[in-house]
């Protein structure tokens, strides 16, 4: 067991090391030098005077937000003796399963490459570069022939892999007992029960005001909303990331959401951030990647056919094409169970000095990937800011939804949490669906992998994502999935096939997220 003080000192050292290489560090140094010329800075109390100056000028708050952001994103340090791969994923069988899954994805990508006789990457001819630059803001009008391209994988393929996960050190026995879990996920991970979830999500309680609840016995909704907006404006004025994260647990007022999310994610869209985005855009213009066609195909298959999101088609291309070139995304692989794929310069296969990550960000898009970006287009209309918000959302949350890990917010734990909640609190429904071959996870998996994007109405989805940011956790996705089944339980008890069950749950666009979550969590008998 690691000594808490030792763990704290390791965390402090890591945060200091990471911030030393940041633009904030150089800005703080510059401001400290500027302050030396101010008359109120005295030589005999130099250190304290500079601290006071940084505090009154708002730089101390920016530093606090940067530290808070680091603590939210990076895991606590392991024991010093633990090997590096334990930071990525502590369980060996999970690491092995993720490695096998990655090989399958690469095999699919390479076979497509060979079949279509298309290189992984090539420089665009000058005329093509000019054409792409001219139509950068209207790429949705382009209709390339994508009939031969197929998504590398879809959520249902990923579910099949998760269903076959087993812990080799854990003997199930021939006959599955109740404790062995009767769902599709057969790995023994610790997931929370309703009392623990109630404690974690206490701000969602029935007696606490919420945005997204039409009526409340305690407080008239219009009174709560007016007061909540006033507090939200104060939080924004203070520019405090931790306060903003606490605040959004009760929902964001529509007019404040974009600024509050940016504050929580510590995104300020500085000139250097805009310049970085322009460099990524330049990389897209200059080189054509095979994954570009996968991105085009995915947008055409998903967002372009969605009543809410089709208008954002151009934004989606811009953000996702730039994302595929962004090597800063590689950093998240230090705490992800996944490993970025490598490609080799032609004729140099296996020679590490000729290896490059492919795509440059290490993330191969799958069917539905563009739906992680689509809802953000309602909030951010400036491409570089939209891009930064999406990238931060991805490296904090979304990557966990398509990689195999034992993390509480990882997709394996979410599936197990969903099945456990249903099996424990709606056993009749769970057994009925299981008996007719309609395992509930087969229906809910796609909702969770996409964080419900494309399934809920946008206003409801944004209320849900408020809570993901507020609690810094994806567990609420599994709770909502179980709550949807509970809400439609009467109809589901009458179905006799998987197709009929899917039909009952085909349209979630009329659901109100917050009442469903509150009733399931706080009105369920435990």
Protein backbone atom coordinates (compact mmCIF):
# COMPACT_ATOMS: atom_id res chain seq x y z
CA UNK A 1 0.00 0.00 0.00
CA UNK A 2 1.43 3.37 -1.00
CA UNK A 3 2.00 5.99 1.70
CA UNK A 4 -0.55 8.83 1.11
CA UNK A 5 2.11 11.50 1.65
CA UNK A 6 4.39 9.79 -0.86
CA UNK A 7 1.51 9.63 -3.35
CA UNK A 8 0.78 13.33 -2.84
CA UNK A 9 4.40 14.34 -3.37
CA UNK A 10 4.55 12.25 -6.57
CA UNK A 11 1.36 13.94 -7.82
CA UNK A 12 2.72 17.41 -7.06
CA UNK A 13 5.99 16.58 -8.84
CA UNK A 14 4.13 15.33 -11.91
CA UNK A 15 1.83 18.38 -12.09
CA UNK A 16 4.82 20.75 -11.73
CA UNK A 17 6.70 18.87 -14.45
CA UNK A 18 3.75 19.04 -16.87
CA UNK A 19 3.03 22.71 -16.22
CA UNK A 20 6.68 23.67 -16.71
CA UNK A 21 6.39 22.79 -20.37
CA UNK A 22 3.13 24.70 -20.88
CA UNK A 23 2.44 28.13 -22.37
CA UNK A 24 0.92 29.13 -19.01
CA UNK A 25 4.34 28.71 -17.38
CA UNK A 26 6.01 31.10 -19.84
CA UNK A 27 3.12 33.59 -19.47
CA UNK A 28 3.47 33.52 -15.67
CA UNK A 29 7.22 34.11 -15.96
CA UNK A 30 6.60 37.03 -18.33
CA UNK A 31 4.02 38.57 -15.99
CA UNK A 32 6.37 38.18 -13.00
CA UNK A 33 9.09 40.04 -14.92
CA UNK A 34 6.65 42.82 -15.90
CA UNK A 35 5.64 43.21 -12.24
CA UNK A 36 9.25 44.00 -11.27
CA UNK A 37 8.83 47.46 -12.84
CA UNK A 38 5.80 48.30 -10.72
CA UNK A 39 6.35 50.72 -7.80
CA UNK A 40 4.44 48.53 -5.31
CA UNK A 41 6.99 45.68 -5.73
CA UNK A 42 9.68 46.11 -3.04
CA UNK A 43 13.03 44.34 -3.08
CA UNK A 44 12.86 43.38 0.61
CA UNK A 45 9.49 41.61 0.12
CA UNK A 46 9.94 40.63 -3.52
CA UNK A 47 8.55 37.07 -3.33
CA UNK A 48 5.38 38.02 -1.44
CA UNK A 49 4.78 41.13 -3.57
CA UNK A 50 5.00 39.15 -6.82
CA UNK A 51 2.62 36.52 -5.35
CA UNK A 52 0.16 39.31 -4.44
CA UNK A 53 0.45 40.80 -7.93
CA UNK A 54 -0.27 37.42 -9.61
CA UNK A 55 -3.24 36.98 -7.29
CA UNK A 56 -4.81 40.39 -7.90
CA UNK A 57 -4.18 40.25 -11.67
CA UNK A 58 -5.99 36.90 -12.03
CA UNK A 59 -2.96 34.76 -12.91
CA UNK A 60 -3.12 32.78 -9.68
CA UNK A 61 -6.66 31.68 -10.62
CA UNK A 62 -5.44 30.56 -14.05
CA UNK A 63 -2.71 28.50 -12.39
CA UNK A 64 -5.25 26.93 -10.00
CA UNK A 65 -7.49 26.01 -12.95
CA UNK A 66 -4.55 24.43 -14.78
CA UNK A 67 -3.63 22.35 -11.70
CA UNK A 68 -7.26 21.32 -11.23
CA UNK A 69 -7.46 20.29 -14.88
CA UNK A 70 -4.34 18.12 -14.54
CA UNK A 71 -5.74 16.43 -11.43
CA UNK A 72 -9.02 15.71 -13.23
CA UNK A 73 -7.40 14.16 -16.30
CA UNK A 74 -4.39 12.20 -15.09
CA UNK A 75 -4.68 9.21 -12.73
CA UNK A 76 -3.09 9.24 -9.29
CA UNK A 77 0.44 7.85 -9.46
CA UNK A 78 0.86 4.11 -8.96
CA UNK A 79 3.27 2.66 -6.43
CA UNK A 80 6.82 3.63 -7.53
CA UNK A 81 7.67 -0.06 -8.00
CA UNK A 82 4.70 -0.66 -10.34
CA UNK A 83 5.63 -1.14 -14.03
CA UNK A 84 4.55 1.64 -16.47
CA UNK A 85 1.85 -0.51 -18.12
CA UNK A 86 -0.05 -0.55 -14.80
CA UNK A 87 -0.79 3.16 -15.29
CA UNK A 88 -2.42 2.24 -18.61
CA UNK A 89 -4.32 -0.76 -17.22
CA UNK A 90 -3.59 -2.72 -14.01
CA UNK A 91 -5.18 -6.02 -15.12
CA UNK A 92 -3.02 -8.13 -17.46
CA UNK A 93 -5.97 -9.92 -19.12
CA UNK A 94 -7.56 -6.57 -19.99
CA UNK A 95 -4.30 -5.37 -21.55
CA UNK A 96 -4.08 -8.59 -23.55
CA UNK A 97 -7.70 -8.30 -24.75
CA UNK A 98 -7.16 -4.68 -25.80
CA UNK A 99 -4.01 -5.71 -27.71
CA UNK A 100 -5.90 -8.45 -29.58
CA UNK A 101 -8.74 -6.04 -30.41
CA UNK A 102 -6.25 -3.51 -31.80
CA UNK A 103 -4.74 -6.20 -34.04
CA UNK A 104 -8.20 -6.94 -35.43
CA UNK A 105 -8.80 -3.26 -36.16
CA UNK A 106 -5.44 -2.94 -37.92
CA UNK A 107 -6.08 -6.09 -39.95
CA UNK A 108 -9.40 -4.62 -41.11
CA UNK A 109 -7.73 -1.31 -42.03
CA UNK A 110 -4.84 -2.98 -43.86
CA UNK A 111 -7.10 -5.32 -45.80
CA UNK A 112 -9.17 -2.32 -46.95
CA UNK A 113 -5.92 -0.64 -47.98
CA UNK A 114 -4.88 -3.69 -50.02
CA UNK A 115 -8.32 -4.32 -51.58
CA UNK A 116 -8.78 -0.72 -52.71
CA UNK A 117 -5.09 -0.27 -53.59
CA UNK A 118 -5.01 3.00 -51.66
CA UNK A 119 -1.98 4.12 -49.61
CA UNK A 120 -2.40 4.97 -45.92
CA UNK A 121 -1.14 8.50 -46.65
CA UNK A 122 -0.05 10.53 -49.65
CA UNK A 123 0.68 14.16 -50.48
CA UNK A 124 -2.15 15.91 -52.31
CA UNK A 125 -1.30 17.38 -55.75
CA UNK A 126 -1.10 21.21 -55.75
CA UNK A 127 -4.41 21.64 -57.62
CA UNK A 128 -6.18 19.33 -55.13
CA UNK A 129 -4.71 21.30 -52.20
CA UNK A 130 -6.01 24.56 -53.68
CA UNK A 131 -9.46 23.06 -54.31
CA UNK A 132 -9.74 21.73 -50.73
CA UNK A 133 -8.65 25.08 -49.28
CA UNK A 134 -11.30 26.92 -51.35
CA UNK A 135 -14.12 24.61 -50.22
CA UNK A 136 -12.92 24.20 -46.59
CA UNK A 137 -16.14 25.76 -45.24
CA UNK A 138 -18.43 23.80 -47.52
CA UNK A 139 -16.99 20.28 -47.58
CA UNK A 140 -20.49 18.91 -47.06
CA UNK A 141 -21.30 19.77 -50.69
CA UNK A 142 -18.59 17.36 -51.85
CA UNK A 143 -19.89 13.94 -52.86
CA UNK A 144 -16.86 11.61 -53.14
CA UNK A 145 -17.52 8.00 -54.11
CA UNK A 146 -17.27 6.16 -50.80
CA UNK A 147 -19.19 3.05 -51.82
CA UNK A 148 -16.11 0.81 -51.52
CA UNK A 149 -15.19 2.11 -48.05
CA UNK A 150 -16.65 0.50 -44.95
CA UNK A 151 -16.36 1.41 -41.27
CA UNK A 152 -13.42 -0.41 -39.67
CA UNK A 153 -15.82 -1.61 -36.98
CA UNK A 154 -19.22 -0.84 -35.48
CA UNK A 155 -20.32 -0.92 -31.80
CA UNK A 156 -21.92 -4.36 -32.22
CA UNK A 157 -18.53 -5.82 -33.26
CA UNK A 158 -16.97 -4.33 -30.15
CA UNK A 159 -19.73 -5.78 -27.95
CA UNK A 160 -18.96 -9.29 -29.25
CA UNK A 161 -15.37 -8.84 -28.06
CA UNK A 162 -16.47 -7.65 -24.60
CA UNK A 163 -18.86 -10.60 -24.27
CA UNK A 164 -15.91 -12.99 -24.67
CA UNK A 165 -13.77 -11.31 -21.99
CA UNK A 166 -12.79 -13.66 -19.16
CA UNK A 167 -10.50 -13.36 -16.17
CA UNK A 168 -8.25 -16.47 -16.36
CA UNK A 169 -7.70 -16.36 -12.58
CA UNK A 170 -11.41 -16.54 -11.84
CA UNK A 171 -13.17 -19.89 -11.97
CA UNK A 172 -16.83 -19.56 -12.91
CA UNK A 173 -17.69 -23.23 -12.54
CA UNK A 174 -20.01 -25.13 -14.85
CA UNK A 175 -23.30 -23.75 -13.58
CA UNK A 176 -23.50 -19.94 -13.36
CA UNK A 177 -24.76 -18.89 -9.94
CA UNK A 178 -26.68 -15.68 -9.30
CA UNK A 179 -23.46 -14.06 -8.10
CA UNK A 180 -21.77 -15.00 -11.37
CA UNK A 181 -24.03 -12.51 -13.10
CA UNK A 182 -26.48 -13.58 -15.79
CA UNK A 183 -25.69 -10.80 -18.25
CA UNK A 184 -23.41 -10.77 -21.26
CA UNK A 185 -20.40 -9.34 -19.42
CA UNK A 186 -18.63 -12.09 -17.49
CA UNK A 187 -15.74 -10.36 -15.75
CA UNK A 188 -15.66 -9.81 -11.96
CA UNK A 189 -15.24 -6.03 -11.66
CA UNK A 190 -16.48 -4.01 -8.70
CA UNK A 191 -19.39 -1.78 -9.70
CA UNK A 192 -21.52 0.46 -7.52
CA UNK A 193 -24.96 -0.40 -6.16
CA UNK A 194 -27.83 2.08 -5.85
CA UNK A 195 -26.94 3.29 -2.31
CA UNK A 196 -23.40 4.09 -3.50
CA UNK A 197 -24.72 5.78 -6.64
CA UNK A 198 -27.15 7.84 -4.53
CA UNK A 199 -24.23 9.04 -2.46
CA UNK A 200 -22.09 9.83 -5.52
CA UNK A 201 -24.91 11.61 -7.36
CA UNK A 202 -26.43 13.23 -4.26
CA UNK A 203 -26.97 16.55 -6.08
CA UNK A 204 -29.55 14.78 -8.28
CA UNK A 205 -31.74 14.13 -5.21
CA UNK A 206 -35.49 14.69 -5.30
CA UNK A 207 -35.29 17.61 -2.87
CA UNK A 208 -32.56 19.50 -4.78
CA UNK A 209 -33.33 21.93 -7.60
CA UNK A 210 -32.39 20.73 -11.10
CA UNK A 211 -32.43 22.20 -14.56
CA UNK A 212 -34.31 19.72 -16.71
CA UNK A 213 -37.09 19.08 -14.16
CA UNK A 214 -40.34 20.81 -15.08
CA UNK A 215 -41.84 20.88 -11.62
CA UNK A 216 -40.59 20.48 -8.07
CA UNK A 217 -42.58 20.36 -4.87
CA UNK A 218 -39.89 22.27 -2.99
CA UNK A 219 -39.03 25.17 -5.30
CA UNK A 220 -41.04 26.68 -8.19
CA UNK A 221 -38.98 25.99 -11.36
CA UNK A 222 -38.84 29.62 -12.51
CA UNK A 223 -37.53 30.75 -9.10
CA UNK A 224 -34.83 28.06 -9.09
CA UNK A 225 -33.85 28.81 -12.69
CA UNK A 226 -33.48 32.57 -12.07
CA UNK A 227 -31.38 31.96 -8.97
CA UNK A 228 -29.32 29.27 -10.73
CA UNK A 229 -28.56 31.66 -13.61
CA UNK A 230 -27.45 34.33 -11.12
CA UNK A 231 -25.10 31.86 -9.39
CA UNK A 232 -23.81 30.66 -12.79
CA UNK A 233 -22.93 34.22 -13.80
CA UNK A 234 -21.05 34.64 -10.52
CA UNK A 235 -19.12 31.38 -11.11
CA UNK A 236 -18.13 32.62 -14.58
CA UNK A 237 -17.06 35.99 -13.18
CA UNK A 238 -14.84 34.19 -10.65
CA UNK A 239 -13.30 32.00 -13.43
CA UNK A 240 -12.98 29.03 -11.04
CA UNK A 241 -12.92 25.59 -12.74
CA UNK A 242 -13.68 23.65 -9.54
CA UNK A 243 -16.69 25.86 -8.72
CA UNK A 244 -17.96 25.50 -12.31
CA UNK A 245 -17.68 21.71 -12.10
CA UNK A 246 -19.70 21.65 -8.89
CA UNK A 247 -22.25 24.08 -10.34
CA UNK A 248 -23.07 22.06 -13.50
CA UNK A 249 -24.10 19.04 -11.41
CA UNK A 250 -27.50 20.77 -11.21
CA UNK A 251 -27.48 21.55 -14.92
CA UNK A 252 -26.31 24.48 -17.04
CA UNK A 253 -28.53 27.35 -18.17
CA UNK A 254 -28.49 27.29 -21.99
CA UNK A 255 -26.98 30.78 -22.29
CA UNK A 256 -24.07 29.93 -19.95
CA UNK A 257 -23.31 26.35 -20.98
CA UNK A 258 -20.63 27.04 -23.60
CA UNK A 259 -18.61 29.27 -21.25
CA UNK A 260 -19.05 26.96 -18.24
CA UNK A 261 -17.92 23.86 -20.14
CA UNK A 262 -14.90 25.76 -21.49
CA UNK A 263 -14.05 26.84 -17.91
CA UNK A 264 -14.34 23.26 -16.57
CA UNK A 265 -12.18 21.93 -19.42
CA UNK A 266 -9.74 24.86 -18.99
CA UNK A 267 -10.09 25.95 -22.63
CA UNK A 268 -9.47 29.64 -23.28
CA UNK A 269 -8.79 29.70 -27.06
CA UNK A 270 -5.63 31.81 -26.88
CA UNK A 271 -3.92 33.09 -30.09
CA UNK A 272 -1.44 30.18 -29.91
CA UNK A 273 -4.38 27.72 -29.78
CA UNK A 274 -5.88 29.29 -32.91
CA UNK A 275 -2.48 29.11 -34.62
CA UNK A 276 -2.16 25.42 -33.65
CA UNK A 277 -5.58 24.70 -35.18
CA UNK A 278 -4.50 26.49 -38.38
CA UNK A 279 -1.38 24.29 -38.52
CA UNK A 280 -3.56 21.18 -38.24
CA UNK A 281 -5.75 22.53 -41.03
CA UNK A 282 -2.62 23.06 -43.14
CA UNK A 283 -1.65 19.41 -42.54
CA UNK A 284 -5.09 18.31 -43.77
CA UNK A 285 -4.73 20.44 -46.90
CA UNK A 286 -1.27 19.03 -47.71
CA UNK A 287 -1.78 15.30 -47.11
CA UNK A 288 -4.56 12.86 -47.80
CA UNK A 289 -4.99 9.97 -45.33
CA UNK A 290 -7.02 6.80 -45.76
CA UNK A 291 -8.81 7.65 -42.49
CA UNK A 292 -10.14 10.83 -44.18
CA UNK A 293 -12.42 8.62 -46.26
CA UNK A 294 -13.51 6.76 -43.10
CA UNK A 295 -14.39 10.12 -41.53
CA UNK A 296 -16.34 11.24 -44.62
CA UNK A 297 -18.16 7.91 -44.69
CA UNK A 298 -19.04 8.07 -40.99
CA UNK A 299 -20.41 11.62 -41.19
CA UNK A 300 -22.50 10.66 -44.24
CA UNK A 301 -23.86 7.55 -42.50
CA UNK A 302 -24.66 9.19 -39.16
CA UNK A 303 -24.77 12.97 -38.59
CA UNK A 304 -25.84 13.81 -42.16
CA UNK A 305 -28.97 11.68 -41.65
CA UNK A 306 -29.78 13.12 -38.22
CA UNK A 307 -32.56 15.72 -37.93
CA UNK A 308 -30.61 17.66 -35.30
CA UNK A 309 -27.09 17.52 -36.68
CA UNK A 310 -27.15 17.46 -40.50
CA UNK A 311 -26.67 21.25 -40.62
CA UNK A 312 -23.25 20.88 -38.95
CA UNK A 313 -21.79 18.58 -41.60
CA UNK A 314 -19.04 21.07 -42.58
CA UNK A 315 -17.99 21.62 -38.95
CA UNK A 316 -17.75 17.87 -38.40
CA UNK A 317 -15.39 17.37 -41.34
CA UNK A 318 -13.20 20.27 -40.23
CA UNK A 319 -12.93 19.11 -36.62
CA UNK A 320 -12.46 15.40 -37.32
CA UNK A 321 -9.94 15.83 -40.14
CA UNK A 322 -7.86 18.15 -37.94
CA UNK A 323 -8.24 15.76 -34.99
CA UNK A 324 -6.75 12.88 -37.00
CA UNK A 325 -3.55 14.95 -37.52
CA UNK A 326 -3.19 16.14 -33.92
CA UNK A 327 -0.16 14.45 -32.33
CA UNK A 328 -0.93 16.06 -28.92
CA UNK A 329 -3.77 13.51 -28.62
CA UNK A 330 -1.08 10.78 -28.33
CA UNK A 331 -0.46 11.95 -24.77
CA UNK A 332 -3.69 10.37 -23.55
CA UNK A 333 -2.27 6.92 -24.33
CA UNK A 334 -0.16 7.23 -21.14
CA UNK A 335 -3.35 6.64 -19.12
CA UNK A 336 -5.42 4.73 -21.70
CA UNK A 337 -5.34 0.95 -22.02
CA UNK A 338 -5.04 1.44 -25.79
CA UNK A 339 -1.79 1.78 -27.76
CA UNK A 340 -1.51 3.97 -30.88
CA UNK A 341 -1.07 1.94 -34.11
CA UNK A 342 2.25 2.15 -35.94
CA UNK A 343 2.93 2.23 -39.64
CA UNK A 344 6.27 1.86 -41.40
CA UNK A 345 7.77 3.70 -44.32
CA UNK A 346 7.48 1.52 -47.44
CA UNK A 347 10.17 -1.15 -47.55
CA UNK A 348 11.19 -0.59 -43.90
CA UNK A 349 8.68 -2.85 -42.16
CA UNK A 350 9.66 -3.71 -38.59
CA UNK A 351 12.46 -1.12 -38.40
CA UNK A 352 11.54 1.07 -35.44
CA UNK A 353 13.48 4.12 -36.65
CA UNK A 354 11.16 4.22 -39.69
CA UNK A 355 7.96 3.77 -37.66
CA UNK A 356 5.28 6.48 -37.43
CA UNK A 357 1.97 6.54 -35.59
CA UNK A 358 -0.99 6.13 -37.92
CA UNK A 359 -3.15 8.08 -37.96
CA UNK A 360 -0.94 10.79 -36.38
CA UNK A 361 -3.30 11.09 -33.38
CA UNK A 362 -3.33 7.29 -32.87
CA UNK A 363 -7.15 7.04 -33.02
CA UNK A 364 -8.86 5.03 -35.78
CA UNK A 365 -12.45 6.27 -36.19
CA UNK A 366 -15.31 3.76 -36.06
CA UNK A 367 -18.97 3.84 -37.04
CA UNK A 368 -20.62 6.64 -35.03
CA UNK A 369 -17.39 8.43 -34.01
CA UNK A 370 -18.55 11.75 -35.49
CA UNK A 371 -21.47 11.79 -33.04
CA UNK A 372 -19.04 12.70 -30.24
CA UNK A 373 -18.54 16.06 -31.99
CA UNK A 374 -22.03 16.78 -33.32
CA UNK A 375 -23.74 18.00 -30.09
CA UNK A 376 -20.86 20.40 -29.37
CA UNK A 377 -21.66 22.24 -32.62
CA UNK A 378 -24.77 23.66 -30.91
CA UNK A 379 -22.53 25.39 -28.37
CA UNK A 380 -19.43 26.49 -30.27
CA UNK A 381 -19.43 28.18 -33.66
CA UNK A 382 -15.78 29.19 -33.81
CA UNK A 383 -13.94 26.21 -35.36
CA UNK A 384 -10.75 26.38 -33.27
CA UNK A 385 -12.69 26.58 -29.99
CA UNK A 386 -15.08 23.80 -31.06
CA UNK A 387 -12.01 21.73 -31.91
CA UNK A 388 -10.31 22.29 -28.54
CA UNK A 389 -13.48 21.48 -26.57
CA UNK A 390 -13.97 18.23 -28.51
CA UNK A 391 -10.32 17.21 -28.13
CA UNK A 392 -10.46 17.78 -24.36
CA UNK A 393 -13.79 15.90 -24.07
CA UNK A 394 -12.23 13.03 -26.00
CA UNK A 395 -9.03 12.72 -23.94
CA UNK A 396 -10.99 13.02 -20.68
CA UNK A 397 -14.03 10.89 -21.42
CA UNK A 398 -14.87 9.54 -24.86
CA UNK A 399 -11.74 7.40 -25.38
CA UNK A 400 -12.94 5.20 -22.49
CA UNK A 401 -16.06 4.25 -24.47
CA UNK A 402 -14.15 2.34 -27.15
CA UNK A 403 -11.22 0.78 -25.29
CA UNK A 404 -11.10 -2.32 -23.06
CA UNK A 405 -10.17 -1.46 -19.47
CA UNK A 406 -11.16 -2.00 -15.85
CA UNK A 407 -11.60 1.74 -15.19
CA UNK A 408 -14.95 2.62 -13.47
CA UNK A 409 -15.81 4.89 -16.43
CA UNK A 410 -14.59 2.36 -19.01
CA UNK A 411 -17.13 0.71 -21.29
CA UNK A 412 -16.66 -2.75 -19.64
CA UNK A 413 -17.54 -1.37 -16.19
CA UNK A 414 -20.47 0.63 -17.64
CA UNK A 415 -21.90 -2.51 -19.27
CA UNK A 416 -21.51 -4.47 -16.04
CA UNK A 417 -23.05 -1.64 -13.99
CA UNK A 418 -26.02 -1.45 -16.38
CA UNK A 419 -26.63 -5.22 -16.27
CA UNK A 420 -26.18 -5.39 -12.48
CA UNK A 421 -28.66 -2.55 -11.89
CA UNK A 422 -31.26 -4.24 -14.11
CA UNK A 423 -30.69 -7.72 -12.69
CA UNK A 424 -30.88 -6.45 -9.10
CA UNK A 425 -33.73 -3.95 -9.32
CA UNK A 426 -35.81 -5.21 -12.25
CA UNK A 427 -35.19 -8.98 -12.04
CA UNK A 428 -38.46 -9.99 -13.72
CA UNK A 429 -37.81 -7.76 -16.70
CA UNK A 430 -34.17 -8.86 -16.91
CA UNK A 431 -35.05 -12.59 -16.88
CA UNK A 432 -37.93 -12.12 -19.32
CA UNK A 433 -35.72 -10.35 -21.88
CA UNK A 434 -32.96 -12.91 -21.36
CA UNK A 435 -35.35 -15.82 -21.92
CA UNK A 436 -36.62 -14.44 -25.24
CA UNK A 437 -33.06 -13.84 -26.50
CA UNK A 438 -33.21 -10.06 -26.06
CA UNK A 439 -30.34 -9.47 -23.64
CA UNK A 440 -30.79 -5.83 -22.57
CA UNK A 441 -27.13 -4.95 -23.23
CA UNK A 442 -27.54 -5.80 -26.92
CA UNK A 443 -29.95 -2.85 -27.09
CA UNK A 444 -28.33 -0.37 -24.71
CA UNK A 445 -24.70 -0.86 -25.76
CA UNK A 446 -24.89 1.50 -28.73
CA UNK A 447 -26.43 4.22 -26.52
CA UNK A 448 -23.54 4.05 -24.05
CA UNK A 449 -20.76 3.82 -26.66
CA UNK A 450 -22.05 7.06 -28.20
CA UNK A 451 -22.78 8.67 -24.79
CA UNK A 452 -26.43 8.77 -26.04
CA UNK A 453 -25.53 11.19 -28.86
CA UNK A 454 -27.99 10.75 -31.72
CA UNK A 455 -30.52 9.00 -29.47
CA UNK A 456 -31.73 11.72 -27.09
CA UNK A 457 -33.11 15.12 -28.11
CA UNK A 458 -30.21 17.59 -28.08
CA UNK A 459 -31.43 19.66 -25.12
CA UNK A 460 -31.70 16.46 -23.06
CA UNK A 461 -28.32 15.19 -24.24
CA UNK A 462 -26.63 18.44 -23.17
CA UNK A 463 -28.25 18.14 -19.72
CA UNK A 464 -26.80 14.62 -19.50
CA UNK A 465 -23.34 15.78 -20.60
CA UNK A 466 -23.55 18.57 -17.98
CA UNK A 467 -23.53 15.82 -15.37
CA UNK A 468 -20.68 13.88 -17.05
CA UNK A 469 -18.57 17.03 -16.74
CA UNK A 470 -19.89 17.84 -13.26
CA UNK A 471 -19.09 14.42 -11.82
CA UNK A 472 -16.03 13.78 -14.02
CA UNK A 473 -17.48 10.32 -14.65
CA UNK A 474 -19.30 8.35 -17.36
CA UNK A 475 -21.13 6.09 -14.87
CA UNK A 476 -24.28 8.15 -15.31
CA UNK A 477 -24.59 6.68 -18.84
CA UNK A 478 -25.16 3.19 -17.39
CA UNK A 479 -27.63 4.55 -14.83
CA UNK A 480 -29.61 6.33 -17.55
CA UNK A 481 -29.63 3.20 -19.75
CA UNK A 482 -31.08 1.20 -16.85
CA UNK A 483 -33.58 4.00 -16.13
CA UNK A 484 -34.81 3.87 -19.76
CA UNK A 485 -35.52 0.14 -19.42
CA UNK A 486 -37.30 0.77 -16.10
CA UNK A 487 -39.44 3.49 -17.74
CA UNK A 488 -40.48 1.17 -20.61
CA UNK A 489 -40.70 -1.95 -18.41
CA UNK A 490 -44.48 -2.51 -18.83
CA UNK A 491 -44.19 -2.56 -22.64
CA UNK A 492 -41.00 -4.65 -22.57
CA UNK A 493 -42.67 -7.33 -20.43
CA UNK A 494 -45.07 -7.97 -23.34
CA UNK A 495 -42.49 -8.43 -26.12
CA UNK A 496 -41.51 -11.88 -27.35
CA UNK A 497 -38.41 -11.20 -29.46
CA UNK A 498 -35.29 -9.03 -29.68
CA UNK A 499 -36.75 -7.17 -32.67
CA UNK A 500 -39.91 -6.31 -30.69
CA UNK A 501 -37.83 -5.12 -27.70
CA UNK A 502 -35.71 -2.96 -30.02
CA UNK A 503 -38.90 -1.49 -31.50
CA UNK A 504 -40.14 -0.47 -28.02
CA UNK A 505 -36.83 1.30 -27.39
CA UNK A 506 -36.22 2.58 -30.93
CA UNK A 507 -37.12 6.23 -30.22
CA UNK A 508 -35.66 7.92 -27.13
CA UNK A 509 -36.10 11.45 -28.50
CA UNK A 510 -39.15 12.22 -26.33
CA UNK A 511 -37.54 11.15 -23.04
CA UNK A 512 -36.73 13.64 -20.26
CA UNK A 513 -33.37 12.67 -18.82
CA UNK A 514 -33.46 14.23 -15.35
CA UNK A 515 -36.84 12.86 -14.17
CA UNK A 516 -35.78 9.37 -15.37
CA UNK A 517 -32.50 9.53 -13.46
CA UNK A 518 -34.11 10.93 -10.31
CA UNK A 519 -36.90 8.35 -10.21
CA UNK A 520 -34.55 5.44 -10.88
CA UNK A 521 -31.93 6.50 -8.33
CA UNK A 522 -34.01 8.04 -5.59
CA UNK A 523 -37.40 6.35 -5.88
CA UNK A 524 -36.07 2.79 -6.32
CA UNK A 525 -36.55 0.55 -3.29
CA UNK A 526 -33.15 -0.79 -2.20
